[in-house]
């Protein structure tokens, strides 16, 4: 027979803690770690939506892919022979459209699952949400455009740098200024 402090007791405590950890994913009653993980999941969903919209636009609407671009090579997408300057402009337009769609998706996920509304009125909250995201996208698109136009970097890695900048800025602003913790 083992005492509760032994290995059986530790297993029971571990199961209780894990059960509580997963319970926190169902609602808004969660700790900081679970909130950050949920934000990451919401951000990943929005990033997938943004990426799909961006590359569909870059392929079909405003061409922004070169023959050497990794996405063009992987998916065998025919590339357009356009200047880096025009490609940078097209990539910015493609990102603007993808931004509007993906930001709506992430707002809905954030307000229903990650953060608690109520710090501001709904209209002000949505306005601030889009404003912060617009600022981060503006900074990210600026970085992307510089990487493409002045350094000749392929669209996909430049797009990745843009996404990374946006994620960091958006989390901090949403956590501390827009929603209730």
Foldseek 3Di string as FASTA:
>chain_A
DDDLVDPVVVVVVVVVVVVVQVVCQPAAPDDPVSLVVLLVVLLVVLVVQLVVQLVVCCQPPQPQFDCPAPVCVVVVGDHDPDALLSSLVSSLVSNVVSLVVSLVSSVVSCPGGRFDADPDPPVVLSVQSSVQLVVLLVVLSVQLSCCCNVVVDGNVVSVVSSSVSSSVSNVVCCDPPRGPD
